[in-house]
């Protein structure tokens, strides 16, 4: 079998059996380096301020109980919000793309509507309606509502690109709807879920105004 494969590849042009690699143009490399350096300017400024301030002052500010508490809260927020966002986004994408939900197009538009509202406005609105809303679970609730479209959009786009013939073939082999979803559909959504989850996680780490109110 291996000899047959080698014989078949012997008549193909070089680079067909494996992906050909090209060297990036010099101007593109320089542009990438320039953009990377610009992105690192704030970090360099922080390091410079830390050096000017002195290690003792920096250590006193960083290694204190309050910073540890904030770090734990941040980890809990991401660990709770991202899985809930995944479940909600995949369910909504399935309903709007693969079910006979009445008004599916309207629902798909409504699912991306939170992107038009800043996250801190979400928080302010919830606090106005429910004044006692505060704490970790309040942050999880508002975060999921504000940021799930970042995961819903790539998952719904991936569902539109999937070949339904694969699901039909799996069903013809005796798999039920639940097993077809877990064994055929969900593995093909892995990249979309990972990419959307990364976006949601980064927004959670960068957000400040949303959590000021709660």
N, C-alpha and C. Protein backbone atom coordinates (compact mmCIF):
# COMPACT_ATOMS: atom_id res chain seq x y z
N UNK A 1 0.83 -1.21 0.00
CA UNK A 1 0.00 0.00 0.00
C UNK A 1 0.86 1.26 0.00
N UNK A 2 1.93 1.25 0.79
CA UNK A 2 2.81 2.42 0.84
C UNK A 2 3.50 2.64 -0.48
N UNK A 3 3.94 1.55 -1.15
CA UNK A 3 4.61 1.69 -2.43
C UNK A 3 3.67 2.25 -3.48
N UNK A 4 2.38 1.87 -3.41
CA UNK A 4 1.42 2.40 -4.36
C UNK A 4 1.22 3.90 -4.16
N UNK A 5 1.18 4.32 -2.90
CA UNK A 5 1.03 5.74 -2.62
C UNK A 5 2.24 6.52 -3.12
N UNK A 6 3.45 5.97 -2.87
CA UNK A 6 4.67 6.63 -3.34
C UNK A 6 4.69 6.71 -4.86
N UNK A 7 4.22 5.66 -5.53
CA UNK A 7 4.20 5.67 -6.99
C UNK A 7 3.22 6.72 -7.50
N UNK A 8 2.06 6.83 -6.82
CA UNK A 8 1.08 7.82 -7.25
C UNK A 8 1.59 9.23 -7.06
N UNK A 9 2.36 9.45 -5.99
CA UNK A 9 2.88 10.79 -5.73
C UNK A 9 4.08 11.13 -6.59
N UNK A 10 4.72 10.12 -7.14
CA UNK A 10 5.95 10.38 -7.89
C UNK A 10 5.68 11.20 -9.14
N UNK A 11 4.47 11.11 -9.69
CA UNK A 11 4.17 11.88 -10.88
C UNK A 11 3.57 13.23 -10.61
N UNK A 12 3.40 13.59 -9.34
CA UNK A 12 2.82 14.87 -9.00
C UNK A 12 3.90 15.93 -8.86
N UNK A 13 3.54 17.19 -9.08
CA UNK A 13 4.52 18.27 -8.92
C UNK A 13 4.99 18.37 -7.49
N UNK A 14 6.17 18.93 -7.31
CA UNK A 14 6.73 19.11 -5.98
C UNK A 14 5.86 20.04 -5.16
N UNK A 15 5.58 19.65 -3.90
CA UNK A 15 4.75 20.47 -3.03
C UNK A 15 3.30 20.05 -3.01
N UNK A 16 2.89 19.07 -3.89
CA UNK A 16 1.50 18.64 -3.90
C UNK A 16 1.20 17.74 -2.73
N UNK A 17 2.12 16.83 -2.40
CA UNK A 17 1.91 15.91 -1.29
C UNK A 17 1.93 16.59 0.05
N UNK A 18 2.59 17.69 0.17
CA UNK A 18 2.62 18.45 1.41
C UNK A 18 2.49 19.93 1.08
N UNK A 19 2.05 20.67 2.02
CA UNK A 19 1.80 22.09 1.80
C UNK A 19 3.11 22.84 1.53
N UNK A 20 3.13 23.52 0.40
CA UNK A 20 4.31 24.29 0.05
C UNK A 20 4.40 25.54 0.92
N UNK A 21 5.60 25.85 1.37
CA UNK A 21 5.80 27.00 2.25
C UNK A 21 6.52 28.09 1.48
N UNK A 22 6.00 29.28 1.63
CA UNK A 22 6.61 30.43 0.98
C UNK A 22 7.16 31.37 2.05
N UNK A 23 8.25 32.01 1.71
CA UNK A 23 8.82 33.00 2.62
C UNK A 23 8.06 34.31 2.48
N UNK A 24 7.67 34.88 3.61
CA UNK A 24 6.91 36.12 3.59
C UNK A 24 7.76 37.26 3.06
N UNK A 25 7.16 38.19 2.31
CA UNK A 25 7.91 39.35 1.81
C UNK A 25 8.48 40.16 2.97
N UNK A 26 9.59 40.84 2.69
CA UNK A 26 10.26 41.61 3.73
C UNK A 26 9.37 42.72 4.28
N UNK A 27 8.63 43.38 3.39
CA UNK A 27 7.78 44.48 3.85
C UNK A 27 6.68 43.99 4.79
N UNK A 28 6.19 42.76 4.55
CA UNK A 28 5.16 42.21 5.41
C UNK A 28 5.72 41.87 6.79
N UNK A 29 6.94 41.34 6.82
CA UNK A 29 7.60 41.03 8.09
C UNK A 29 7.83 42.31 8.89
N UNK A 30 8.33 43.36 8.20
CA UNK A 30 8.59 44.62 8.88
C UNK A 30 7.29 45.25 9.40
N UNK A 31 6.23 45.15 8.61
CA UNK A 31 4.94 45.69 9.05
C UNK A 31 4.43 44.94 10.27
N UNK A 32 4.59 43.61 10.29
CA UNK A 32 4.14 42.82 11.44
C UNK A 32 4.94 43.18 12.68
N UNK A 33 6.25 43.36 12.52
CA UNK A 33 7.09 43.74 13.66
C UNK A 33 6.69 45.11 14.18
N UNK A 34 6.40 46.04 13.27
CA UNK A 34 6.00 47.38 13.68
C UNK A 34 4.69 47.36 14.46
N UNK A 35 3.71 46.61 13.97
CA UNK A 35 2.42 46.52 14.67
C UNK A 35 2.61 45.85 16.03
N UNK A 36 3.45 44.81 16.09
CA UNK A 36 3.68 44.13 17.36
C UNK A 36 4.34 45.07 18.37
N UNK A 37 5.29 45.88 17.91
CA UNK A 37 5.95 46.83 18.81
C UNK A 37 4.97 47.88 19.32
N UNK A 38 4.08 48.34 18.44
CA UNK A 38 3.06 49.30 18.88
C UNK A 38 2.16 48.69 19.95
N UNK A 39 1.80 47.41 19.75
CA UNK A 39 0.93 46.75 20.73
C UNK A 39 1.63 46.57 22.07
N UNK A 40 2.96 46.47 22.07
CA UNK A 40 3.71 46.26 23.30
C UNK A 40 4.08 47.56 24.02
N UNK A 41 3.74 48.70 23.43
CA UNK A 41 4.09 49.99 24.05
C UNK A 41 3.47 50.12 25.45
N UNK A 42 2.18 49.83 25.66
CA UNK A 42 1.64 49.95 27.03
C UNK A 42 2.36 49.05 28.03
N UNK A 43 2.69 47.82 27.62
CA UNK A 43 3.40 46.93 28.52
C UNK A 43 4.80 47.46 28.84
N UNK A 44 5.47 48.00 27.84
CA UNK A 44 6.78 48.59 28.08
C UNK A 44 6.69 49.79 29.01
N UNK A 45 5.62 50.57 28.88
CA UNK A 45 5.43 51.71 29.76
C UNK A 45 5.24 51.26 31.21
N UNK A 46 4.47 50.17 31.41
CA UNK A 46 4.26 49.66 32.76
C UNK A 46 5.58 49.17 33.36
N UNK A 47 6.37 48.46 32.56
CA UNK A 47 7.65 47.98 33.04
C UNK A 47 8.55 49.16 33.40
N UNK A 48 8.55 50.19 32.58
CA UNK A 48 9.38 51.38 32.85
C UNK A 48 8.95 52.06 34.14
N UNK A 49 7.64 52.20 34.35
CA UNK A 49 7.14 52.80 35.58
C UNK A 49 7.52 51.95 36.79
N UNK A 50 7.45 50.61 36.62
CA UNK A 50 7.82 49.72 37.72
C UNK A 50 9.29 49.87 38.08
N UNK A 51 10.14 50.00 37.07
CA UNK A 51 11.56 50.18 37.34
C UNK A 51 11.81 51.51 38.04
N UNK A 52 11.13 52.55 37.58
CA UNK A 52 11.30 53.86 38.20
C UNK A 52 10.78 53.89 39.64
N UNK A 53 9.71 53.14 39.90
CA UNK A 53 9.11 53.15 41.24
C UNK A 53 9.95 52.39 42.24
N UNK A 54 10.52 51.27 41.79
CA UNK A 54 11.30 50.45 42.70
C UNK A 54 10.59 49.14 43.02
N UNK A 55 11.40 48.08 43.22
CA UNK A 55 10.84 46.76 43.43
C UNK A 55 10.04 46.67 44.72
N UNK A 56 10.46 47.33 45.77
CA UNK A 56 9.75 47.23 47.05
C UNK A 56 8.33 47.78 46.93
N UNK A 57 8.19 48.92 46.26
CA UNK A 57 6.85 49.50 46.08
C UNK A 57 5.99 48.63 45.19
N UNK A 58 6.57 48.11 44.11
CA UNK A 58 5.82 47.24 43.19
C UNK A 58 5.37 45.98 43.92
N UNK A 59 6.25 45.37 44.68
CA UNK A 59 5.89 44.16 45.42
C UNK A 59 4.79 44.43 46.44
N UNK A 60 4.85 45.60 47.08
CA UNK A 60 3.81 45.93 48.06
C UNK A 60 2.45 46.12 47.40
N UNK A 61 2.45 46.63 46.16
CA UNK A 61 1.19 46.85 45.45
C UNK A 61 0.63 45.57 44.84
N UNK A 62 1.50 44.71 44.34
CA UNK A 62 1.06 43.52 43.62
C UNK A 62 0.76 42.37 44.57
N UNK A 63 1.67 42.09 45.48
CA UNK A 63 1.53 40.93 46.36
C UNK A 63 0.79 41.34 47.63
N UNK A 64 -0.50 41.56 47.49
CA UNK A 64 -1.35 41.91 48.63
C UNK A 64 -2.65 41.13 48.52
N UNK A 65 -3.37 40.96 49.60
CA UNK A 65 -4.58 40.13 49.58
C UNK A 65 -5.63 40.59 48.59
N UNK A 66 -5.76 41.90 48.39
CA UNK A 66 -6.80 42.41 47.49
C UNK A 66 -6.55 41.94 46.06
N UNK A 67 -5.31 41.93 45.62
CA UNK A 67 -4.99 41.48 44.27
C UNK A 67 -5.30 39.99 44.11
N UNK A 68 -5.00 39.20 45.14
CA UNK A 68 -5.34 37.79 45.08
C UNK A 68 -6.84 37.56 45.01
N UNK A 69 -7.59 38.36 45.75
CA UNK A 69 -9.06 38.25 45.71
C UNK A 69 -9.59 38.58 44.32
N UNK A 70 -9.07 39.64 43.72
CA UNK A 70 -9.49 40.01 42.37
C UNK A 70 -9.12 38.94 41.35
N UNK A 71 -7.95 38.34 41.52
CA UNK A 71 -7.52 37.28 40.60
C UNK A 71 -8.45 36.07 40.70
N UNK A 72 -8.81 35.69 41.91
CA UNK A 72 -9.72 34.56 42.09
C UNK A 72 -11.08 34.87 41.49
N UNK A 73 -11.58 36.09 41.72
CA UNK A 73 -12.86 36.48 41.14
C UNK A 73 -12.83 36.43 39.62
N UNK A 74 -11.72 36.87 39.03
CA UNK A 74 -11.60 36.87 37.58
C UNK A 74 -11.60 35.44 37.03
N UNK A 75 -10.85 34.56 37.68
CA UNK A 75 -10.81 33.16 37.24
C UNK A 75 -12.19 32.52 37.34
N UNK A 76 -12.89 32.77 38.45
CA UNK A 76 -14.24 32.22 38.61
C UNK A 76 -15.19 32.78 37.56
N UNK A 77 -15.08 34.06 37.28
CA UNK A 77 -15.95 34.68 36.29
C UNK A 77 -15.77 34.04 34.92
N UNK A 78 -14.52 33.86 34.51
CA UNK A 78 -14.26 33.25 33.20
C UNK A 78 -14.66 31.78 33.20
N UNK A 79 -14.35 31.06 34.27
CA UNK A 79 -14.64 29.63 34.34
C UNK A 79 -16.14 29.35 34.32
N UNK A 80 -16.95 30.26 34.85
CA UNK A 80 -18.40 30.07 34.85
C UNK A 80 -19.06 30.64 33.60
N UNK A 81 -18.61 31.79 33.14
CA UNK A 81 -19.28 32.47 32.03
C UNK A 81 -19.05 31.77 30.70
N UNK A 82 -17.84 31.34 30.43
CA UNK A 82 -17.53 30.76 29.12
C UNK A 82 -18.31 29.47 28.85
N UNK A 83 -18.35 28.48 29.78
CA UNK A 83 -19.16 27.28 29.49
C UNK A 83 -20.64 27.58 29.30
N UNK A 84 -21.20 28.48 30.13
CA UNK A 84 -22.61 28.84 29.96
C UNK A 84 -22.83 29.49 28.60
N UNK A 85 -21.90 30.35 28.19
CA UNK A 85 -22.01 31.00 26.88
C UNK A 85 -21.94 29.98 25.76
N UNK A 86 -21.10 28.97 25.89
CA UNK A 86 -21.00 27.93 24.86
C UNK A 86 -22.33 27.20 24.71
N UNK A 87 -22.90 26.77 25.83
CA UNK A 87 -24.17 26.03 25.78
C UNK A 87 -25.27 26.90 25.19
N UNK A 88 -25.37 28.14 25.63
CA UNK A 88 -26.42 29.03 25.13
C UNK A 88 -26.24 29.31 23.64
N UNK A 89 -25.02 29.58 23.21
CA UNK A 89 -24.77 29.94 21.82
C UNK A 89 -25.02 28.77 20.88
N UNK A 90 -24.56 27.58 21.27
CA UNK A 90 -24.77 26.40 20.43
C UNK A 90 -26.26 26.08 20.33
N UNK A 91 -26.98 26.19 21.43
CA UNK A 91 -28.42 25.93 21.41
C UNK A 91 -29.15 26.92 20.52
N UNK A 92 -28.83 28.20 20.65
CA UNK A 92 -29.49 29.21 19.82
C UNK A 92 -29.12 29.04 18.34
N UNK A 93 -27.87 28.73 18.07
CA UNK A 93 -27.45 28.53 16.68
C UNK A 93 -28.18 27.33 16.06
N UNK A 94 -28.33 26.27 16.84
CA UNK A 94 -29.05 25.09 16.34
C UNK A 94 -30.52 25.42 16.08
N UNK A 95 -31.14 26.17 16.99
CA UNK A 95 -32.55 26.52 16.81
C UNK A 95 -32.77 27.40 15.59
N UNK A 96 -31.87 28.36 15.37
CA UNK A 96 -32.07 29.30 14.27
C UNK A 96 -31.59 28.77 12.93
N UNK A 97 -30.70 27.78 12.93
CA UNK A 97 -30.15 27.30 11.67
C UNK A 97 -30.65 25.91 11.27
N UNK A 98 -31.00 25.06 12.21
CA UNK A 98 -31.33 23.67 11.88
C UNK A 98 -32.72 23.24 12.32
N UNK A 99 -33.50 24.10 12.94
CA UNK A 99 -34.84 23.71 13.38
C UNK A 99 -35.89 24.46 12.58
N UNK A 100 -37.14 24.06 12.77
CA UNK A 100 -38.26 24.73 12.11
C UNK A 100 -38.87 25.80 13.01
N UNK A 101 -38.02 26.49 13.76
CA UNK A 101 -38.47 27.55 14.66
C UNK A 101 -39.17 28.65 13.87
N UNK A 102 -40.40 29.00 14.22
CA UNK A 102 -41.08 30.10 13.50
C UNK A 102 -40.31 31.41 13.65
N UNK A 103 -40.15 32.11 12.54
CA UNK A 103 -39.42 33.38 12.57
C UNK A 103 -37.96 33.22 12.89
N UNK A 104 -37.33 32.16 12.36
CA UNK A 104 -35.92 31.89 12.68
C UNK A 104 -35.02 33.04 12.26
N UNK A 105 -35.31 33.67 11.11
CA UNK A 105 -34.47 34.79 10.67
C UNK A 105 -34.55 35.96 11.64
N UNK A 106 -35.75 36.25 12.14
CA UNK A 106 -35.90 37.33 13.11
C UNK A 106 -35.15 37.01 14.39
N UNK A 107 -35.25 35.75 14.85
CA UNK A 107 -34.55 35.36 16.07
C UNK A 107 -33.04 35.44 15.90
N UNK A 108 -32.56 35.10 14.70
CA UNK A 108 -31.11 35.21 14.46
C UNK A 108 -30.65 36.66 14.53
N UNK A 109 -31.47 37.59 14.06
CA UNK A 109 -31.12 39.01 14.18
C UNK A 109 -31.13 39.45 15.64
N UNK A 110 -32.12 38.98 16.38
CA UNK A 110 -32.20 39.35 17.80
C UNK A 110 -31.03 38.79 18.60
N UNK A 111 -30.51 37.64 18.15
CA UNK A 111 -29.39 37.03 18.88
C UNK A 111 -28.11 37.86 18.78
N UNK A 112 -27.97 38.64 17.74
CA UNK A 112 -26.78 39.48 17.60
C UNK A 112 -27.03 40.91 18.05
N UNK A 113 -28.26 41.21 18.46
CA UNK A 113 -28.59 42.57 18.89
C UNK A 113 -27.76 43.05 20.08
N UNK A 114 -27.39 42.19 21.06
CA UNK A 114 -26.57 42.69 22.18
C UNK A 114 -25.25 43.32 21.77
N UNK A 115 -24.75 43.00 20.57
CA UNK A 115 -23.50 43.60 20.13
C UNK A 115 -23.63 45.11 19.92
N UNK A 116 -24.86 45.57 19.68
CA UNK A 116 -25.07 47.01 19.44
C UNK A 116 -25.13 47.80 20.74
N UNK A 117 -25.09 47.12 21.88
CA UNK A 117 -25.21 47.80 23.17
C UNK A 117 -23.92 47.60 23.95
N UNK A 118 -23.28 48.67 24.40
CA UNK A 118 -22.06 48.50 25.22
C UNK A 118 -22.33 47.68 26.46
N UNK A 119 -21.32 46.95 26.89
CA UNK A 119 -21.49 46.04 28.02
C UNK A 119 -21.87 46.78 29.30
N UNK A 120 -21.30 47.95 29.53
CA UNK A 120 -21.63 48.66 30.77
C UNK A 120 -23.07 49.16 30.75
N UNK A 121 -23.64 49.36 29.54
CA UNK A 121 -25.06 49.74 29.45
C UNK A 121 -25.93 48.55 29.85
N UNK A 122 -25.53 47.34 29.45
CA UNK A 122 -26.23 46.15 29.92
C UNK A 122 -26.27 46.13 31.45
N UNK A 123 -25.11 46.34 32.04
CA UNK A 123 -25.01 46.29 33.50
C UNK A 123 -25.88 47.37 34.14
N UNK A 124 -25.82 48.59 33.62
CA UNK A 124 -26.60 49.70 34.18
C UNK A 124 -28.10 49.41 34.07
N UNK A 125 -28.52 48.82 32.95
CA UNK A 125 -29.94 48.52 32.77
C UNK A 125 -30.41 47.47 33.77
N UNK A 126 -29.60 46.43 33.98
CA UNK A 126 -29.99 45.39 34.93
C UNK A 126 -30.03 45.93 36.35
N UNK A 127 -29.06 46.78 36.70
CA UNK A 127 -29.05 47.35 38.04
C UNK A 127 -30.26 48.26 38.24
N UNK A 128 -30.67 48.96 37.19
CA UNK A 128 -31.84 49.82 37.28
C UNK A 128 -33.11 49.00 37.50
N UNK A 129 -33.22 47.87 36.80
CA UNK A 129 -34.41 47.03 36.94
C UNK A 129 -34.38 46.20 38.23
N UNK A 130 -33.19 45.70 38.59
CA UNK A 130 -33.05 44.86 39.79
C UNK A 130 -31.95 45.48 40.65
N UNK A 131 -32.30 46.41 41.53
CA UNK A 131 -31.26 47.12 42.31
C UNK A 131 -30.40 46.20 43.17
N UNK A 132 -30.94 45.08 43.61
CA UNK A 132 -30.16 44.19 44.47
C UNK A 132 -29.27 43.23 43.72
N UNK A 133 -29.16 43.38 42.42
CA UNK A 133 -28.35 42.47 41.62
C UNK A 133 -26.87 42.82 41.78
N UNK A 134 -26.11 41.94 42.39
CA UNK A 134 -24.68 42.19 42.56
C UNK A 134 -23.99 40.86 42.85
N UNK A 135 -22.69 40.86 42.82
CA UNK A 135 -21.93 39.66 43.13
C UNK A 135 -21.51 38.89 41.90
N UNK A 136 -20.92 37.72 42.15
CA UNK A 136 -20.35 36.91 41.08
C UNK A 136 -21.39 36.46 40.07
N UNK A 137 -22.50 35.92 40.54
CA UNK A 137 -23.50 35.40 39.62
C UNK A 137 -24.18 36.51 38.83
N UNK A 138 -24.27 37.69 39.41
CA UNK A 138 -24.77 38.83 38.64
C UNK A 138 -23.81 39.17 37.50
N UNK A 139 -22.50 39.11 37.80
CA UNK A 139 -21.51 39.34 36.75
C UNK A 139 -21.58 38.28 35.66
N UNK A 140 -21.80 37.02 36.05
CA UNK A 140 -21.92 35.95 35.07
C UNK A 140 -23.15 36.18 34.18
N UNK A 141 -24.28 36.53 34.80
CA UNK A 141 -25.51 36.76 34.04
C UNK A 141 -25.34 37.85 33.00
N UNK A 142 -24.84 39.00 33.42
CA UNK A 142 -24.71 40.13 32.50
C UNK A 142 -23.64 39.84 31.45
N UNK A 143 -22.57 39.16 31.84
CA UNK A 143 -21.50 38.83 30.89
C UNK A 143 -22.01 37.91 29.79
N UNK A 144 -22.76 36.89 30.17
CA UNK A 144 -23.29 35.95 29.17
C UNK A 144 -24.22 36.67 28.21
N UNK A 145 -25.12 37.51 28.73
CA UNK A 145 -26.07 38.22 27.87
C UNK A 145 -25.35 39.19 26.94
N UNK A 146 -24.30 39.84 27.44
CA UNK A 146 -23.61 40.85 26.65
C UNK A 146 -22.69 40.26 25.60
N UNK A 147 -22.09 39.08 25.88
CA UNK A 147 -21.01 38.59 25.03
C UNK A 147 -21.32 37.30 24.27
N UNK A 148 -22.49 36.67 24.48
CA UNK A 148 -22.73 35.41 23.79
C UNK A 148 -22.78 35.56 22.26
N UNK A 149 -23.13 36.74 21.69
CA UNK A 149 -23.10 36.83 20.22
C UNK A 149 -21.73 36.59 19.61
N UNK A 150 -20.65 36.85 20.36
CA UNK A 150 -19.31 36.58 19.83
C UNK A 150 -19.10 35.09 19.59
N UNK A 151 -19.84 34.26 20.27
CA UNK A 151 -19.75 32.82 20.06
C UNK A 151 -20.88 32.32 19.17
N UNK A 152 -22.03 32.97 19.26
CA UNK A 152 -23.18 32.55 18.44
C UNK A 152 -22.89 32.74 16.95
N UNK A 153 -22.26 33.83 16.58
CA UNK A 153 -22.02 34.12 15.16
C UNK A 153 -21.13 33.07 14.48
N UNK A 154 -19.95 32.73 15.02
CA UNK A 154 -19.15 31.70 14.34
C UNK A 154 -19.79 30.32 14.36
N UNK A 155 -20.51 29.98 15.43
CA UNK A 155 -21.15 28.67 15.48
C UNK A 155 -22.27 28.57 14.47
N UNK A 156 -23.09 29.60 14.35
CA UNK A 156 -24.17 29.57 13.37
C UNK A 156 -23.62 29.56 11.95
N UNK A 157 -22.52 30.28 11.71
CA UNK A 157 -21.90 30.24 10.38
C UNK A 157 -21.34 28.85 10.08
N UNK A 158 -20.76 28.20 11.08
CA UNK A 158 -20.24 26.85 10.87
C UNK A 158 -21.37 25.86 10.60
N UNK A 159 -22.50 26.03 11.28
CA UNK A 159 -23.64 25.14 11.04
C UNK A 159 -24.17 25.29 9.62
N UNK A 160 -24.16 26.52 9.09
CA UNK A 160 -24.63 26.72 7.73
C UNK A 160 -23.73 26.04 6.72
N UNK A 161 -22.45 25.88 7.03
CA UNK A 161 -21.51 25.28 6.09
C UNK A 161 -21.46 23.76 6.17
N UNK A 162 -22.03 23.16 7.20
CA UNK A 162 -21.96 21.72 7.36
C UNK A 162 -22.79 21.02 6.29
N UNK A 163 -22.33 19.85 5.88
CA UNK A 163 -23.04 19.04 4.90
C UNK A 163 -24.07 18.18 5.61
N UNK A 164 -25.37 18.39 5.36
CA UNK A 164 -26.39 17.58 6.03
C UNK A 164 -26.32 16.10 5.66
N UNK A 165 -25.63 15.78 4.54
CA UNK A 165 -25.53 14.38 4.14
C UNK A 165 -24.78 13.55 5.19
N UNK A 166 -23.85 14.15 5.90
CA UNK A 166 -23.14 13.42 6.95
C UNK A 166 -24.09 13.03 8.08
N UNK A 167 -24.97 13.94 8.44
CA UNK A 167 -25.94 13.63 9.48
C UNK A 167 -26.94 12.58 9.00
N UNK A 168 -27.35 12.66 7.74
CA UNK A 168 -28.27 11.66 7.19
C UNK A 168 -27.62 10.29 7.16
N UNK A 169 -26.34 10.25 6.81
CA UNK A 169 -25.63 8.97 6.78
C UNK A 169 -25.52 8.38 8.18
N UNK A 170 -25.22 9.23 9.18
CA UNK A 170 -25.13 8.74 10.55
C UNK A 170 -26.48 8.23 11.05
N UNK A 171 -27.55 8.96 10.70
CA UNK A 171 -28.89 8.50 11.09
C UNK A 171 -29.24 7.20 10.40
N UNK A 172 -28.83 7.03 9.14
CA UNK A 172 -29.11 5.79 8.42
C UNK A 172 -28.37 4.61 9.03
N UNK A 173 -27.25 4.87 9.71
CA UNK A 173 -26.49 3.81 10.37
C UNK A 173 -27.07 3.44 11.73
N UNK A 174 -28.13 4.12 12.12
CA UNK A 174 -28.80 3.75 13.36
C UNK A 174 -28.58 4.68 14.53
N UNK A 175 -27.89 5.79 14.32
CA UNK A 175 -27.67 6.73 15.42
C UNK A 175 -28.91 7.60 15.62
N UNK A 176 -29.25 7.84 16.87
CA UNK A 176 -30.36 8.72 17.18
C UNK A 176 -29.97 10.17 17.04
N UNK A 177 -30.94 11.08 17.09
CA UNK A 177 -30.64 12.51 16.92
C UNK A 177 -29.60 13.03 17.91
N UNK A 178 -29.67 12.58 19.17
CA UNK A 178 -28.70 13.06 20.17
C UNK A 178 -27.29 12.58 19.85
N UNK A 179 -27.16 11.31 19.46
CA UNK A 179 -25.84 10.78 19.14
C UNK A 179 -25.30 11.37 17.85
N UNK A 180 -26.18 11.65 16.90
CA UNK A 180 -25.74 12.32 15.67
C UNK A 180 -25.15 13.68 16.00
N UNK A 181 -25.80 14.41 16.90
CA UNK A 181 -25.29 15.73 17.27
C UNK A 181 -23.94 15.63 17.96
N UNK A 182 -23.81 14.70 18.93
CA UNK A 182 -22.57 14.60 19.70
C UNK A 182 -21.42 14.03 18.89
N UNK A 183 -21.71 13.10 17.98
CA UNK A 183 -20.64 12.39 17.28
C UNK A 183 -20.34 12.94 15.89
N UNK A 184 -21.29 13.67 15.29
CA UNK A 184 -21.10 14.16 13.92
C UNK A 184 -21.05 15.68 13.87
N UNK A 185 -22.03 16.34 14.49
CA UNK A 185 -22.15 17.79 14.36
C UNK A 185 -21.17 18.52 15.28
N UNK A 186 -21.18 18.17 16.55
CA UNK A 186 -20.37 18.91 17.53
C UNK A 186 -18.87 18.89 17.22
N UNK A 187 -18.28 17.75 16.81
CA UNK A 187 -16.85 17.79 16.47
C UNK A 187 -16.51 18.76 15.35
N UNK A 188 -17.45 18.97 14.42
CA UNK A 188 -17.19 19.90 13.33
C UNK A 188 -17.34 21.36 13.76
N UNK A 189 -17.92 21.59 14.91
CA UNK A 189 -18.07 22.95 15.44
C UNK A 189 -16.94 23.32 16.40
N UNK A 190 -15.97 22.43 16.57
CA UNK A 190 -14.94 22.62 17.58
C UNK A 190 -14.16 23.91 17.35
N UNK A 191 -13.74 24.18 16.12
CA UNK A 191 -12.94 25.38 15.86
C UNK A 191 -13.75 26.65 16.10
N UNK A 192 -15.01 26.64 15.68
CA UNK A 192 -15.86 27.81 15.89
C UNK A 192 -16.09 28.04 17.38
N UNK A 193 -16.29 26.98 18.13
CA UNK A 193 -16.51 27.12 19.57
C UNK A 193 -15.25 27.62 20.26
N UNK A 194 -14.10 27.07 19.89
CA UNK A 194 -12.84 27.51 20.51
C UNK A 194 -12.54 28.97 20.18
N UNK A 195 -12.73 29.35 18.92
CA UNK A 195 -12.47 30.75 18.53
C UNK A 195 -13.41 31.71 19.22
N UNK A 196 -14.71 31.38 19.25
CA UNK A 196 -15.66 32.25 19.93
C UNK A 196 -15.42 32.31 21.43
N UNK A 197 -15.05 31.19 22.03
CA UNK A 197 -14.76 31.18 23.47
C UNK A 197 -13.56 32.04 23.79
N UNK A 198 -12.56 32.03 22.92
CA UNK A 198 -11.40 32.89 23.12
C UNK A 198 -11.79 34.35 23.10
N UNK A 199 -12.65 34.73 22.15
CA UNK A 199 -13.11 36.13 22.10
C UNK A 199 -13.87 36.51 23.36
N UNK A 200 -14.75 35.64 23.80
CA UNK A 200 -15.52 35.93 25.01
C UNK A 200 -14.59 36.05 26.22
N UNK A 201 -13.65 35.11 26.35
CA UNK A 201 -12.72 35.16 27.48
C UNK A 201 -11.88 36.42 27.49
N UNK A 202 -11.40 36.84 26.32
CA UNK A 202 -10.60 38.06 26.25
C UNK A 202 -11.42 39.29 26.61
N UNK A 203 -12.67 39.33 26.19
CA UNK A 203 -13.52 40.46 26.55
C UNK A 203 -13.80 40.48 28.05
N UNK A 204 -13.96 39.31 28.64
CA UNK A 204 -14.16 39.26 30.08
C UNK A 204 -12.94 39.78 30.83
N UNK A 205 -11.76 39.45 30.35
CA UNK A 205 -10.54 39.91 31.02
C UNK A 205 -10.32 41.41 30.83
N UNK A 206 -10.78 41.94 29.70
CA UNK A 206 -10.54 43.36 29.41
C UNK A 206 -11.65 44.27 29.92
N UNK A 207 -12.80 43.71 30.24
CA UNK A 207 -13.95 44.55 30.62
C UNK A 207 -13.78 45.12 32.02
N UNK A 208 -14.20 46.35 32.19
CA UNK A 208 -14.16 46.99 33.50
C UNK A 208 -15.49 47.66 33.82
N UNK A 209 -16.02 48.42 32.87
CA UNK A 209 -17.24 49.18 33.14
C UNK A 209 -18.43 48.32 33.50
N UNK A 210 -18.51 47.12 32.93
CA UNK A 210 -19.64 46.24 33.22
C UNK A 210 -19.71 45.89 34.70
N UNK A 211 -18.53 45.66 35.31
CA UNK A 211 -18.50 45.15 36.69
C UNK A 211 -18.45 46.26 37.73
N UNK A 212 -18.33 47.49 37.30
CA UNK A 212 -18.31 48.58 38.27
C UNK A 212 -19.64 48.68 39.00
N UNK A 213 -20.73 48.48 38.26
CA UNK A 213 -22.07 48.65 38.86
C UNK A 213 -22.47 47.46 39.74
N UNK A 214 -21.91 46.26 39.45
CA UNK A 214 -22.38 45.09 40.18
C UNK A 214 -21.30 44.50 41.08
